[in-house]
Amino acid sequence: QVQLVESGGGLVQAGGSLRLSCAASGSIFGFNTMGWFRQAPGKQRELVAFISSGGSTNYADSVKGRFTISRDNAKNTAVLQMNSLKPEDTAVYYCNYRAISPPGPASWGQGTQVTVSS
């Protein structure tokens, strides 16, 4: 099992920036992904971005060009740099870990609130 601890988030004005960090511990090995999902009130949880242990990245169309995900495999950490934030980015952001090969259960962080004021 993998444990995830998130940090960052908070309140920012539209156009501002925030940085989310996720530290993973536990059984981390093989090919895997770390990423971020978000859930706004009354909406389903949606993918924001993820990065594989090989460095490949994937972004939701709504954040392309504004958000950047990176990771440090040696430290088992992932960072989501969020720029040009919009009020519609307001949500609880959850860190996610998925073991791909060998396969394993997904792990989730506790969530961190991001609020963007207009």
PDB file of N, CA and C in Angstrom:
ATOM      1  N   GLN A   1       0.842  -1.183   0.000  1.00  0.00           N
ATOM      2  CA  GLN A   1       0.000   0.000   0.000  1.00  0.00           C
ATOM      3  C   GLN A   1       0.890   1.250   0.000  1.00  0.00           C
ATOM      4  N   VAL A   2       0.395   2.289  -0.654  1.00  0.00           N
ATOM      5  CA  VAL A   2       1.131   3.541  -0.763  1.00  0.00           C
ATOM      6  C   VAL A   2       0.363   4.638  -0.033  1.00  0.00           C
ATOM      7  N   GLN A   3       1.084   5.415   0.758  1.00  0.00           N
ATOM      8  CA  GLN A   3       0.474   6.535   1.458  1.00  0.00           C
ATOM      9  C   GLN A   3       0.895   7.834   0.764  1.00  0.00           C
ATOM     10  N   LEU A   4      -0.046   8.756   0.667  1.00  0.00           N
ATOM     11  CA  LEU A   4       0.192  10.021  -0.008  1.00  0.00           C
ATOM     12  C   LEU A   4      -0.124  11.175   0.929  1.00  0.00           C
ATOM     13  N   VAL A   5       0.787  12.140   0.975  1.00  0.00           N
ATOM     14  CA  VAL A   5       0.584  13.334   1.795  1.00  0.00           C
ATOM     15  C   VAL A   5       0.721  14.552   0.900  1.00  0.00           C
ATOM     16  N   GLU A   6      -0.330  15.360   0.869  1.00  0.00           N
ATOM     17  CA  GLU A   6      -0.352  16.540   0.012  1.00  0.00           C
ATOM     18  C   GLU A   6      -0.038  17.794   0.819  1.00  0.00           C
ATOM     19  N   SER A   7       0.480  18.779   0.125  1.00  0.00           N
ATOM     20  CA  SER A   7       0.691  20.092   0.725  1.00  0.00           C
ATOM     21  C   SER A   7       0.509  21.143  -0.366  1.00  0.00           C
ATOM     22  N   GLY A   8       0.298  22.359   0.075  1.00  0.00           N
ATOM     23  CA  GLY A   8       0.038  23.449  -0.865  1.00  0.00           C
ATOM     24  C   GLY A   8      -1.446  23.755  -0.898  1.00  0.00           C
ATOM     25  N   GLY A   9      -1.878  24.410  -1.909  1.00  0.00           N
ATOM     26  CA  GLY A   9      -3.271  24.818  -2.000  1.00  0.00           C
ATOM     27  C   GLY A   9      -3.496  26.119  -1.248  1.00  0.00           C
ATOM     28  N   GLY A  10      -4.755  26.564  -1.222  1.00  0.00           N
ATOM     29  CA  GLY A  10      -5.095  27.794  -0.542  1.00  0.00           C
ATOM     30  C   GLY A  10      -5.977  28.684  -1.394  1.00  0.00           C
ATOM     31  N   LEU A  11      -5.950  29.962  -1.055  1.00  0.00           N
ATOM     32  CA  LEU A  11      -6.789  30.964  -1.737  1.00  0.00           C
ATOM     33  C   LEU A  11      -5.911  31.886  -2.569  1.00  0.00           C
ATOM     34  N   VAL A  12      -6.316  32.115  -3.810  1.00  0.00           N
ATOM     35  CA  VAL A  12      -5.549  32.981  -4.696  1.00  0.00           C
ATOM     36  C   VAL A  12      -6.514  33.719  -5.610  1.00  0.00           C
ATOM     37  N   GLN A  13      -6.121  34.871  -6.071  1.00  0.00           N
ATOM     38  CA  GLN A  13      -6.942  35.616  -7.022  1.00  0.00           C
ATOM     39  C   GLN A  13      -6.765  35.051  -8.429  1.00  0.00           C
ATOM     40  N   ALA A  14      -7.753  35.275  -9.247  1.00  0.00           N
ATOM     41  CA  ALA A  14      -7.670  34.833 -10.645  1.00  0.00           C
ATOM     42  C   ALA A  14      -6.427  35.419 -11.297  1.00  0.00           C
ATOM     43  N   GLY A  15      -5.749  34.564 -12.063  1.00  0.00           N
ATOM     44  CA  GLY A  15      -4.501  34.964 -12.688  1.00  0.00           C
ATOM     45  C   GLY A  15      -3.267  34.614 -11.880  1.00  0.00           C
ATOM     46  N   GLY A  16      -3.485  34.231 -10.637  1.00  0.00           N
ATOM     47  CA  GLY A  16      -2.369  33.895  -9.766  1.00  0.00           C
ATOM     48  C   GLY A  16      -1.891  32.469  -9.937  1.00  0.00           C
ATOM     49  N   SER A  17      -0.964  32.084  -9.067  1.00  0.00           N
ATOM     50  CA  SER A  17      -0.342  30.759  -9.148  1.00  0.00           C
ATOM     51  C   SER A  17      -0.360  30.068  -7.791  1.00  0.00           C
ATOM     52  N   LEU A  18      -0.401  28.755  -7.842  1.00  0.00           N
ATOM     53  CA  LEU A  18      -0.267  27.921  -6.651  1.00  0.00           C
ATOM     54  C   LEU A  18       0.541  26.684  -7.019  1.00  0.00           C
ATOM     55  N   ARG A  19       1.120  26.077  -5.997  1.00  0.00           N
ATOM     56  CA  ARG A  19       1.941  24.885  -6.192  1.00  0.00           C
ATOM     57  C   ARG A  19       1.486  23.816  -5.221  1.00  0.00           C
ATOM     58  N   LEU A  20       1.131  22.662  -5.756  1.00  0.00           N
ATOM     59  CA  LEU A  20       0.736  21.522  -4.930  1.00  0.00           C
ATOM     60  C   LEU A  20       1.848  20.486  -4.944  1.00  0.00           C
ATOM     61  N   SER A  21       2.113  19.908  -3.775  1.00  0.00           N
ATOM     62  CA  SER A  21       3.116  18.856  -3.667  1.00  0.00           C
ATOM     63  C   SER A  21       2.480  17.600  -3.098  1.00  0.00           C
ATOM     64  N   CYS A  22       3.010  16.456  -3.509  1.00  0.00           N
ATOM     65  CA  CYS A  22       2.523  15.173  -3.027  1.00  0.00           C
ATOM     66  C   CYS A  22       3.729  14.291  -2.737  1.00  0.00           C
ATOM     67  N   ALA A  23       3.802  13.797  -1.512  1.00  0.00           N
ATOM     68  CA  ALA A  23       4.880  12.902  -1.117  1.00  0.00           C
ATOM     69  C   ALA A  23       4.316  11.502  -0.923  1.00  0.00           C
ATOM     70  N   ALA A  24       4.924  10.534  -1.585  1.00  0.00           N
ATOM     71  CA  ALA A  24       4.463   9.156  -1.513  1.00  0.00           C
ATOM     72  C   ALA A  24       5.436   8.322  -0.682  1.00  0.00           C
ATOM     73  N   SER A  25       4.892   7.373   0.063  1.00  0.00           N
ATOM     74  CA  SER A  25       5.702   6.440   0.837  1.00  0.00           C
ATOM     75  C   SER A  25       5.033   5.080   0.822  1.00  0.00           C
ATOM     76  N   GLY A  26       5.842   4.045   1.062  1.00  0.00           N
ATOM     77  CA  GLY A  26       5.303   2.692   1.054  1.00  0.00           C
ATOM     78  C   GLY A  26       5.884   1.882  -0.086  1.00  0.00           C
ATOM     79  N   SER A  27       5.064   0.988  -0.643  1.00  0.00           N
ATOM     80  CA  SER A  27       5.518   0.051  -1.676  1.00  0.00           C
ATOM     81  C   SER A  27       5.472   0.709  -3.056  1.00  0.00           C
ATOM     82  N   ILE A  28       6.523   1.442  -3.367  1.00  0.00           N
ATOM     83  CA  ILE A  28       6.604   2.157  -4.640  1.00  0.00           C
ATOM     84  C   ILE A  28       7.675   1.510  -5.486  1.00  0.00           C
ATOM     85  N   PHE A  29       7.289   0.874  -6.579  1.00  0.00           N
ATOM     86  CA  PHE A  29       8.257   0.236  -7.448  1.00  0.00           C
ATOM     87  C   PHE A  29       7.584  -0.059  -8.773  1.00  0.00           C
ATOM     88  N   GLY A  30       8.386  -0.440  -9.760  1.00  0.00           N
ATOM     89  CA  GLY A  30       7.843  -0.762 -11.066  1.00  0.00           C
ATOM     90  C   GLY A  30       7.385   0.477 -11.814  1.00  0.00           C
ATOM     91  N   PHE A  31       6.585   0.247 -12.849  1.00  0.00           N
ATOM     92  CA  PHE A  31       6.052   1.327 -13.660  1.00  0.00           C
ATOM     93  C   PHE A  31       4.767   1.835 -13.023  1.00  0.00           C
ATOM     94  N   ASN A  32       4.731   3.139 -12.756  1.00  0.00           N
ATOM     95  CA  ASN A  32       3.581   3.686 -12.049  1.00  0.00           C
ATOM     96  C   ASN A  32       3.302   5.113 -12.502  1.00  0.00           C
ATOM     97  N   THR A  33       2.207   5.650 -12.053  1.00  0.00           N
ATOM     98  CA  THR A  33       1.880   7.043 -12.328  1.00  0.00           C
ATOM     99  C   THR A  33       1.539   7.761 -11.030  1.00  0.00           C
ATOM    100  N   MET A  34       1.859   9.032 -11.006  1.00  0.00           N
ATOM    101  CA  MET A  34       1.400   9.925  -9.944  1.00  0.00           C
ATOM    102  C   MET A  34       0.663  11.067 -10.616  1.00  0.00           C
ATOM    103  N   GLY A  35      -0.408  11.501 -10.006  1.00  0.00           N
ATOM    104  CA  GLY A  35      -1.181  12.541 -10.653  1.00  0.00           C
ATOM    105  C   GLY A  35      -2.096  13.269  -9.704  1.00  0.00           C
ATOM    106  N   TRP A  36      -2.886  14.139 -10.291  1.00  0.00           N
ATOM    107  CA  TRP A  36      -3.822  14.956  -9.534  1.00  0.00           C
ATOM    108  C   TRP A  36      -5.203  14.882 -10.182  1.00  0.00           C
ATOM    109  N   PHE A  37      -6.198  14.724  -9.332  1.00  0.00           N
ATOM    110  CA  PHE A  37      -7.590  14.822  -9.714  1.00  0.00           C
ATOM    111  C   PHE A  37      -8.184  15.976  -8.917  1.00  0.00           C
ATOM    112  N   ARG A  38      -9.330  16.450  -9.351  1.00  0.00           N
ATOM    113  CA  ARG A  38     -10.011  17.485  -8.586  1.00  0.00           C
ATOM    114  C   ARG A  38     -11.511  17.251  -8.608  1.00  0.00           C
ATOM    115  N   GLN A  39     -12.153  17.770  -7.558  1.00  0.00           N
ATOM    116  CA  GLN A  39     -13.598  17.637  -7.451  1.00  0.00           C
ATOM    117  C   GLN A  39     -14.182  18.935  -6.933  1.00  0.00           C
ATOM    118  N   ALA A  40     -15.007  19.557  -7.757  1.00  0.00           N
ATOM    119  CA  ALA A  40     -15.707  20.775  -7.376  1.00  0.00           C
ATOM    120  C   ALA A  40     -17.056  20.401  -6.772  1.00  0.00           C
ATOM    121  N   PRO A  41     -17.633  21.270  -5.969  1.00  0.00           N
ATOM    122  CA  PRO A  41     -18.928  20.962  -5.345  1.00  0.00           C
ATOM    123  C   PRO A  41     -19.982  20.607  -6.388  1.00  0.00           C
ATOM    124  N   GLY A  42     -20.655  19.492  -6.172  1.00  0.00           N
ATOM    125  CA  GLY A  42     -21.719  19.071  -7.066  1.00  0.00           C
ATOM    126  C   GLY A  42     -21.254  18.442  -8.364  1.00  0.00           C
ATOM    127  N   LYS A  43     -19.944  18.252  -8.507  1.00  0.00           N
ATOM    128  CA  LYS A  43     -19.412  17.688  -9.744  1.00  0.00           C
ATOM    129  C   LYS A  43     -18.644  16.408  -9.454  1.00  0.00           C
ATOM    130  N   GLN A  44     -18.432  15.630 -10.511  1.00  0.00           N
ATOM    131  CA  GLN A  44     -17.660  14.409 -10.364  1.00  0.00           C
ATOM    132  C   GLN A  44     -16.171  14.712 -10.300  1.00  0.00           C
ATOM    133  N   ARG A  45     -15.436  13.790  -9.681  1.00  0.00           N
ATOM    134  CA  ARG A  45     -13.988  13.938  -9.653  1.00  0.00           C
ATOM    135  C   ARG A  45     -13.446  13.782 -11.066  1.00  0.00           C
ATOM    136  N   GLU A  46     -12.512  14.652 -11.448  1.00  0.00           N
ATOM    137  CA  GLU A  46     -11.966  14.618 -12.800  1.00  0.00           C
ATOM    138  C   GLU A  46     -10.444  14.655 -12.781  1.00  0.00           C
ATOM    139  N   LEU A  47      -9.860  14.076 -13.802  1.00  0.00           N
ATOM    140  CA  LEU A  47      -8.413  14.074 -13.939  1.00  0.00           C
ATOM    141  C   LEU A  47      -7.919  15.475 -14.271  1.00  0.00           C
ATOM    142  N   VAL A  48      -6.838  15.876 -13.614  1.00  0.00           N
ATOM    143  CA  VAL A  48      -6.174  17.135 -13.935  1.00  0.00           C
ATOM    144  C   VAL A  48      -4.912  16.850 -14.752  1.00  0.00           C
ATOM    145  N   ALA A  49      -4.046  16.018 -14.212  1.00  0.00           N
ATOM    146  CA  ALA A  49      -2.794  15.682 -14.888  1.00  0.00           C
ATOM    147  C   ALA A  49      -2.178  14.476 -14.212  1.00  0.00           C
ATOM    148  N   PHE A  50      -1.376  13.722 -14.984  1.00  0.00           N
ATOM    149  CA  PHE A  50      -0.579  12.675 -14.363  1.00  0.00           C
ATOM    150  C   PHE A  50       0.749  12.556 -15.090  1.00  0.00           C
ATOM    151  N   ILE A  51       1.686  11.936 -14.385  1.00  0.00           N
ATOM    152  CA  ILE A  51       3.023  11.731 -14.927  1.00  0.00           C
ATOM    153  C   ILE A  51       3.463  10.319 -14.574  1.00  0.00           C
ATOM    154  N   SER A  52       4.044   9.639 -15.536  1.00  0.00           N
ATOM    155  CA  SER A  52       4.496   8.269 -15.298  1.00  0.00           C
ATOM    156  C   SER A  52       5.894   8.268 -14.681  1.00  0.00           C
ATOM    157  N   SER A  53       6.276   7.118 -14.178  1.00  0.00           N
ATOM    158  CA  SER A  53       7.623   6.990 -13.628  1.00  0.00           C
ATOM    159  C   SER A  53       8.673   7.132 -14.718  1.00  0.00           C
ATOM    160  N   GLY A  54       8.251   6.999 -15.974  1.00  0.00           N
ATOM    161  CA  GLY A  54       9.154   7.208 -17.102  1.00  0.00           C
ATOM    162  C   GLY A  54       9.205   8.648 -17.568  1.00  0.00           C
ATOM    163  N   GLY A  55       8.329   9.498 -17.006  1.00  0.00           N
ATOM    164  CA  GLY A  55       8.350  10.917 -17.332  1.00  0.00           C
ATOM    165  C   GLY A  55       7.289  11.382 -18.305  1.00  0.00           C
ATOM    166  N   SER A  56       6.479  10.483 -18.834  1.00  0.00           N
ATOM    167  CA  SER A  56       5.413  10.887 -19.743  1.00  0.00           C
ATOM    168  C   SER A  56       4.308  11.600 -18.981  1.00  0.00           C
ATOM    169  N   THR A  57       3.749  12.636 -19.598  1.00  0.00           N
ATOM    170  CA  THR A  57       2.721  13.418 -18.931  1.00  0.00           C
ATOM    171  C   THR A  57       1.422  13.436 -19.733  1.00  0.00           C
ATOM    172  N   ASN A  58       0.338  13.707 -19.026  1.00  0.00           N
ATOM    173  CA  ASN A  58      -0.975  13.822 -19.654  1.00  0.00           C
ATOM    174  C   ASN A  58      -1.759  14.874 -18.894  1.00  0.00           C
ATOM    175  N   TYR A  59      -2.420  15.768 -19.631  1.00  0.00           N
ATOM    176  CA  TYR A  59      -3.152  16.871 -19.009  1.00  0.00           C
ATOM    177  C   TYR A  59      -4.598  16.914 -19.509  1.00  0.00           C
ATOM    178  N   ALA A  60      -5.484  17.342 -18.652  1.00  0.00           N
ATOM    179  CA  ALA A  60      -6.839  17.644 -19.085  1.00  0.00           C
ATOM    180  C   ALA A  60      -6.782  18.860 -20.013  1.00  0.00           C
ATOM    181  N   ASP A  61      -7.647  18.888 -21.005  1.00  0.00           N
ATOM    182  CA  ASP A  61      -7.646  20.005 -21.945  1.00  0.00           C
ATOM    183  C   ASP A  61      -7.816  21.346 -21.238  1.00  0.00           C
ATOM    184  N   SER A  62      -8.571  21.353 -20.167  1.00  0.00           N
ATOM    185  CA  SER A  62      -8.884  22.602 -19.465  1.00  0.00           C
ATOM    186  C   SER A  62      -7.676  23.222 -18.769  1.00  0.00           C
ATOM    187  N   VAL A  63      -6.609  22.451 -18.585  1.00  0.00           N
ATOM    188  CA  VAL A  63      -5.440  22.983 -17.872  1.00  0.00           C
ATOM    189  C   VAL A  63      -4.187  23.034 -18.736  1.00  0.00           C
ATOM    190  N   LYS A  64      -4.265  22.518 -19.942  1.00  0.00           N
ATOM    191  CA  LYS A  64      -3.087  22.523 -20.816  1.00  0.00           C
ATOM    192  C   LYS A  64      -2.586  23.945 -21.029  1.00  0.00           C
ATOM    193  N   GLY A  65      -1.272  24.099 -20.922  1.00  0.00           N
ATOM    194  CA  GLY A  65      -0.663  25.416 -21.103  1.00  0.00           C
ATOM    195  C   GLY A  65      -0.638  26.257 -19.842  1.00  0.00           C
ATOM    196  N   ARG A  66      -1.358  25.823 -18.813  1.00  0.00           N
ATOM    197  CA  ARG A  66      -1.386  26.577 -17.551  1.00  0.00           C
ATOM    198  C   ARG A  66      -0.784  25.789 -16.389  1.00  0.00           C
ATOM    199  N   PHE A  67      -0.985  24.485 -16.377  1.00  0.00           N
ATOM    200  CA  PHE A  67      -0.490  23.634 -15.298  1.00  0.00           C
ATOM    201  C   PHE A  67       0.684  22.795 -15.806  1.00  0.00           C
ATOM    202  N   THR A  68       1.615  22.526 -14.908  1.00  0.00           N
ATOM    203  CA  THR A  68       2.749  21.658 -15.222  1.00  0.00           C
ATOM    204  C   THR A  68       2.941  20.673 -14.089  1.00  0.00           C
ATOM    205  N   ILE A  69       3.025  19.395 -14.451  1.00  0.00           N
ATOM    206  CA  ILE A  69       3.265  18.365 -13.454  1.00  0.00           C
ATOM    207  C   ILE A  69       4.693  17.856 -13.608  1.00  0.00           C
ATOM    208  N   SER A  70       5.330  17.582 -12.478  1.00  0.00           N
ATOM    209  CA  SER A  70       6.682  17.042 -12.486  1.00  0.00           C
ATOM    210  C   SER A  70       6.823  16.070 -11.324  1.00  0.00           C
ATOM    211  N   ARG A  71       7.862  15.266 -11.347  1.00  0.00           N
ATOM    212  CA  ARG A  71       8.092  14.340 -10.249  1.00  0.00           C
ATOM    213  C   ARG A  71       9.583  14.090 -10.070  1.00  0.00           C
ATOM    214  N   ASP A  72       9.897  13.689  -8.850  1.00  0.00           N
ATOM    215  CA  ASP A  72      11.258  13.292  -8.498  1.00  0.00           C
ATOM    216  C   ASP A  72      11.171  11.844  -8.044  1.00  0.00           C
ATOM    217  N   ASN A  73      11.595  10.924  -8.888  1.00  0.00           N
ATOM    218  CA  ASN A  73      11.471   9.496  -8.562  1.00  0.00           C
ATOM    219  C   ASN A  73      12.323   9.103  -7.365  1.00  0.00           C
ATOM    220  N   ALA A  74      13.453   9.753  -7.191  1.00  0.00           N
ATOM    221  CA  ALA A  74      14.336   9.420  -6.064  1.00  0.00           C
ATOM    222  C   ALA A  74      13.675   9.773  -4.731  1.00  0.00           C
ATOM    223  N   LYS A  75      12.880  10.851  -4.745  1.00  0.00           N
ATOM    224  CA  LYS A  75      12.218  11.291  -3.511  1.00  0.00           C
ATOM    225  C   LYS A  75      10.756  10.872  -3.444  1.00  0.00           C
ATOM    226  N   ASN A  76      10.254  10.256  -4.507  1.00  0.00           N
ATOM    227  CA  ASN A  76       8.848   9.844  -4.576  1.00  0.00           C
ATOM    228  C   ASN A  76       7.901  11.017  -4.325  1.00  0.00           C
ATOM    229  N   THR A  77       8.181  12.106  -4.994  1.00  0.00           N
ATOM    230  CA  THR A  77       7.326  13.275  -4.869  1.00  0.00           C
ATOM    231  C   THR A  77       6.851  13.732  -6.244  1.00  0.00           C
ATOM    232  N   ALA A  78       5.692  14.364  -6.256  1.00  0.00           N
ATOM    233  CA  ALA A  78       5.142  14.951  -7.467  1.00  0.00           C
ATOM    234  C   ALA A  78       4.688  16.361  -7.144  1.00  0.00           C
ATOM    235  N   VAL A  79       4.841  17.247  -8.111  1.00  0.00           N
ATOM    236  CA  VAL A  79       4.480  18.649  -7.928  1.00  0.00           C
ATOM    237  C   VAL A  79       3.582  19.082  -9.073  1.00  0.00           C
ATOM    238  N   LEU A  80       2.541  19.813  -8.747  1.00  0.00           N
ATOM    239  CA  LEU A  80       1.661  20.404  -9.754  1.00  0.00           C
ATOM    240  C   LEU A  80       1.788  21.918  -9.632  1.00  0.00           C
ATOM    241  N   GLN A  81       2.402  22.528 -10.617  1.00  0.00           N
ATOM    242  CA  GLN A  81       2.525  23.975 -10.664  1.00  0.00           C
ATOM    243  C   GLN A  81       1.332  24.520 -11.456  1.00  0.00           C
ATOM    244  N   MET A  82       0.549  25.365 -10.814  1.00  0.00           N
ATOM    245  CA  MET A  82      -0.664  25.888 -11.432  1.00  0.00           C
ATOM    246  C   MET A  82      -0.526  27.384 -11.642  1.00  0.00           C
ATOM    247  N   ASN A  83      -0.537  27.804 -12.891  1.00  0.00           N
ATOM    248  CA  ASN A  83      -0.420  29.220 -13.241  1.00  0.00           C
ATOM    249  C   ASN A  83      -1.694  29.693 -13.931  1.00  0.00           C
ATOM    250  N   SER A  84      -1.841  30.997 -14.015  1.00  0.00           N
ATOM    251  CA  SER A  84      -3.006  31.599 -14.684  1.00  0.00           C
ATOM    252  C   SER A  84      -4.307  30.964 -14.191  1.00  0.00           C
ATOM    253  N   LEU A  85      -4.428  30.870 -12.897  1.00  0.00           N
ATOM    254  CA  LEU A  85      -5.590  30.201 -12.312  1.00  0.00           C
ATOM    255  C   LEU A  85      -6.888  30.949 -12.596  1.00  0.00           C
ATOM    256  N   LYS A  86      -7.950  30.172 -12.763  1.00  0.00           N
ATOM    257  CA  LYS A  86      -9.274  30.710 -13.054  1.00  0.00           C
ATOM    258  C   LYS A  86     -10.240  30.298 -11.947  1.00  0.00           C
ATOM    259  N   PRO A  87     -11.322  31.038 -11.763  1.00  0.00           N
ATOM    260  CA  PRO A  87     -12.304  30.643 -10.742  1.00  0.00           C
ATOM    261  C   PRO A  87     -12.818  29.216 -10.950  1.00  0.00           C
ATOM    262  N   GLU A  88     -12.903  28.770 -12.173  1.00  0.00           N
ATOM    263  CA  GLU A  88     -13.380  27.407 -12.442  1.00  0.00           C
ATOM    264  C   GLU A  88     -12.369  26.334 -12.039  1.00  0.00           C
ATOM    265  N   ASP A  89     -11.180  26.728 -11.639  1.00  0.00           N
ATOM    266  CA  ASP A  89     -10.209  25.766 -11.108  1.00  0.00           C
ATOM    267  C   ASP A  89     -10.460  25.477  -9.625  1.00  0.00           C
ATOM    268  N   THR A  90     -11.374  26.196  -9.028  1.00  0.00           N
ATOM    269  CA  THR A  90     -11.697  25.980  -7.619  1.00  0.00           C
ATOM    270  C   THR A  90     -12.228  24.574  -7.400  1.00  0.00           C
ATOM    271  N   ALA A  91     -11.589  23.850  -6.481  1.00  0.00           N
ATOM    272  CA  ALA A  91     -11.965  22.463  -6.213  1.00  0.00           C
ATOM    273  C   ALA A  91     -11.089  21.923  -5.100  1.00  0.00           C
ATOM    274  N   VAL A  92     -11.436  20.723  -4.634  1.00  0.00           N
ATOM    275  CA  VAL A  92     -10.523  19.970  -3.787  1.00  0.00           C
ATOM    276  C   VAL A  92      -9.653  19.135  -4.711  1.00  0.00           C
ATOM    277  N   TYR A  93      -8.353  19.235  -4.546  1.00  0.00           N
ATOM    278  CA  TYR A  93      -7.402  18.529  -5.391  1.00  0.00           C
ATOM    279  C   TYR A  93      -6.853  17.321  -4.634  1.00  0.00           C
ATOM    280  N   TYR A  94      -6.873  16.165  -5.300  1.00  0.00           N
ATOM    281  CA  TYR A  94      -6.442  14.912  -4.691  1.00  0.00           C
ATOM    282  C   TYR A  94      -5.248  14.353  -5.445  1.00  0.00           C
ATOM    283  N   CYS A  95      -4.219  13.989  -4.701  1.00  0.00           N
ATOM    284  CA  CYS A  95      -3.090  13.284  -5.282  1.00  0.00           C
ATOM    285  C   CYS A  95      -3.470  11.815  -5.468  1.00  0.00           C
ATOM    286  N   ASN A  96      -2.972  11.226  -6.537  1.00  0.00           N
ATOM    287  CA  ASN A  96      -3.288   9.842  -6.865  1.00  0.00           C
ATOM    288  C   ASN A  96      -2.029   9.099  -7.275  1.00  0.00           C
ATOM    289  N   TYR A  97      -1.932   7.853  -6.819  1.00  0.00           N
ATOM    290  CA  TYR A  97      -0.836   6.966  -7.228  1.00  0.00           C
ATOM    291  C   TYR A  97      -1.447   5.698  -7.801  1.00  0.00           C
ATOM    292  N   ARG A  98      -0.918   5.258  -8.952  1.00  0.00           N
ATOM    293  CA  ARG A  98      -1.396   4.010  -9.535  1.00  0.00           C
ATOM    294  C   ARG A  98      -0.210   3.142  -9.945  1.00  0.00           C
ATOM    295  N   ALA A  99      -0.223   1.905  -9.474  1.00  0.00           N
ATOM    296  CA  ALA A  99       0.779   0.930  -9.893  1.00  0.00           C
ATOM    297  C   ALA A  99       0.289   0.286 -11.188  1.00  0.00           C
ATOM    298  N   ILE A 100       1.092   0.405 -12.243  1.00  0.00           N
ATOM    299  CA  ILE A 100       0.701  -0.114 -13.557  1.00  0.00           C
ATOM    300  C   ILE A 100       1.327  -1.489 -13.804  1.00  0.00           C
ATOM    301  N   SER A 101       2.626  -1.594 -13.592  1.00  0.00           N
ATOM    302  CA  SER A 101       3.295  -2.860 -13.823  1.00  0.00           C
ATOM    303  C   SER A 101       4.410  -3.062 -12.811  1.00  0.00           C
ATOM    304  N   PRO A 102       4.250  -4.013 -11.891  1.00  0.00           N
ATOM    305  CA  PRO A 102       3.072  -4.865 -11.717  1.00  0.00           C
ATOM    306  C   PRO A 102       1.869  -4.069 -11.229  1.00  0.00           C
ATOM    307  N   PRO A 103       0.683  -4.536 -11.548  1.00  0.00           N
ATOM    308  CA  PRO A 103      -0.531  -3.796 -11.173  1.00  0.00           C
ATOM    309  C   PRO A 103      -0.789  -3.850  -9.679  1.00  0.00           C
ATOM    310  N   GLY A 104      -1.482  -2.813  -9.183  1.00  0.00           N
ATOM    311  CA  GLY A 104      -1.808  -2.748  -7.776  1.00  0.00           C
ATOM    312  C   GLY A 104      -2.944  -1.772  -7.555  1.00  0.00           C
ATOM    313  N   PRO A 105      -3.428  -1.694  -6.338  1.00  0.00           N
ATOM    314  CA  PRO A 105      -4.551  -0.786  -6.058  1.00  0.00           C
ATOM    315  C   PRO A 105      -4.102   0.666  -6.129  1.00  0.00           C
ATOM    316  N   ALA A 106      -5.035   1.550  -6.470  1.00  0.00           N
ATOM    317  CA  ALA A 106      -4.748   2.983  -6.494  1.00  0.00           C
ATOM    318  C   ALA A 106      -4.771   3.531  -5.072  1.00  0.00           C
ATOM    319  N   SER A 107      -4.002   4.571  -4.854  1.00  0.00           N
ATOM    320  CA  SER A 107      -3.977   5.250  -3.567  1.00  0.00           C
ATOM    321  C   SER A 107      -4.344   6.710  -3.764  1.00  0.00           C
ATOM    322  N   TRP A 108      -4.963   7.291  -2.728  1.00  0.00           N
ATOM    323  CA  TRP A 108      -5.407   8.689  -2.790  1.00  0.00           C
ATOM    324  C   TRP A 108      -4.911   9.463  -1.582  1.00  0.00           C
ATOM    325  N   GLY A 109      -4.617  10.739  -1.803  1.00  0.00           N
ATOM    326  CA  GLY A 109      -4.317  11.630  -0.706  1.00  0.00           C
ATOM    327  C   GLY A 109      -5.600  12.112  -0.056  1.00  0.00           C
ATOM    328  N   GLN A 110      -5.447  12.914   0.989  1.00  0.00           N
ATOM    329  CA  GLN A 110      -6.607  13.362   1.749  1.00  0.00           C
ATOM    330  C   GLN A 110      -7.323  14.537   1.073  1.00  0.00           C
ATOM    331  N   GLY A 111      -6.669  15.164   0.110  1.00  0.00           N
ATOM    332  CA  GLY A 111      -7.267  16.290  -0.591  1.00  0.00           C
ATOM    333  C   GLY A 111      -6.829  17.622  -0.007  1.00  0.00           C
ATOM    334  N   THR A 112      -6.688  18.611  -0.878  1.00  0.00           N
ATOM    335  CA  THR A 112      -6.327  19.953  -0.455  1.00  0.00           C
ATOM    336  C   THR A 112      -7.184  20.956  -1.239  1.00  0.00           C
ATOM    337  N   GLN A 113      -7.683  21.955  -0.548  1.00  0.00           N
ATOM    338  CA  GLN A 113      -8.598  22.913  -1.165  1.00  0.00           C
ATOM    339  C   GLN A 113      -7.837  23.971  -1.947  1.00  0.00           C
ATOM    340  N   VAL A 114      -8.284  24.209  -3.152  1.00  0.00           N
ATOM    341  CA  VAL A 114      -7.794  25.312  -3.972  1.00  0.00           C
ATOM    342  C   VAL A 114      -8.992  26.205  -4.284  1.00  0.00           C
ATOM    343  N   THR A 115      -8.894  27.474  -3.916  1.00  0.00           N
ATOM    344  CA  THR A 115      -9.970  28.422  -4.168  1.00  0.00           C
ATOM    345  C   THR A 115      -9.414  29.603  -4.945  1.00  0.00           C
ATOM    346  N   VAL A 116     -10.038  29.882  -6.086  1.00  0.00           N
ATOM    347  CA  VAL A 116      -9.609  30.981  -6.938  1.00  0.00           C
ATOM    348  C   VAL A 116     -10.732  32.014  -6.966  1.00  0.00           C
ATOM    349  N   SER A 117     -10.439  33.203  -6.478  1.00  0.00           N
ATOM    350  CA  SER A 117     -11.451  34.259  -6.439  1.00  0.00           C
ATOM    351  C   SER A 117     -11.382  35.113  -7.702  1.00  0.00           C
ATOM    352  N   SER A 118     -12.529  35.623  -8.085  1.00  0.00           N
ATOM    353  CA  SER A 118     -12.581  36.436  -9.312  1.00  0.00           C
ATOM    354  C   SER A 118     -12.376  37.907  -9.022  1.00  0.00           C
TER     355      SER A 118
END
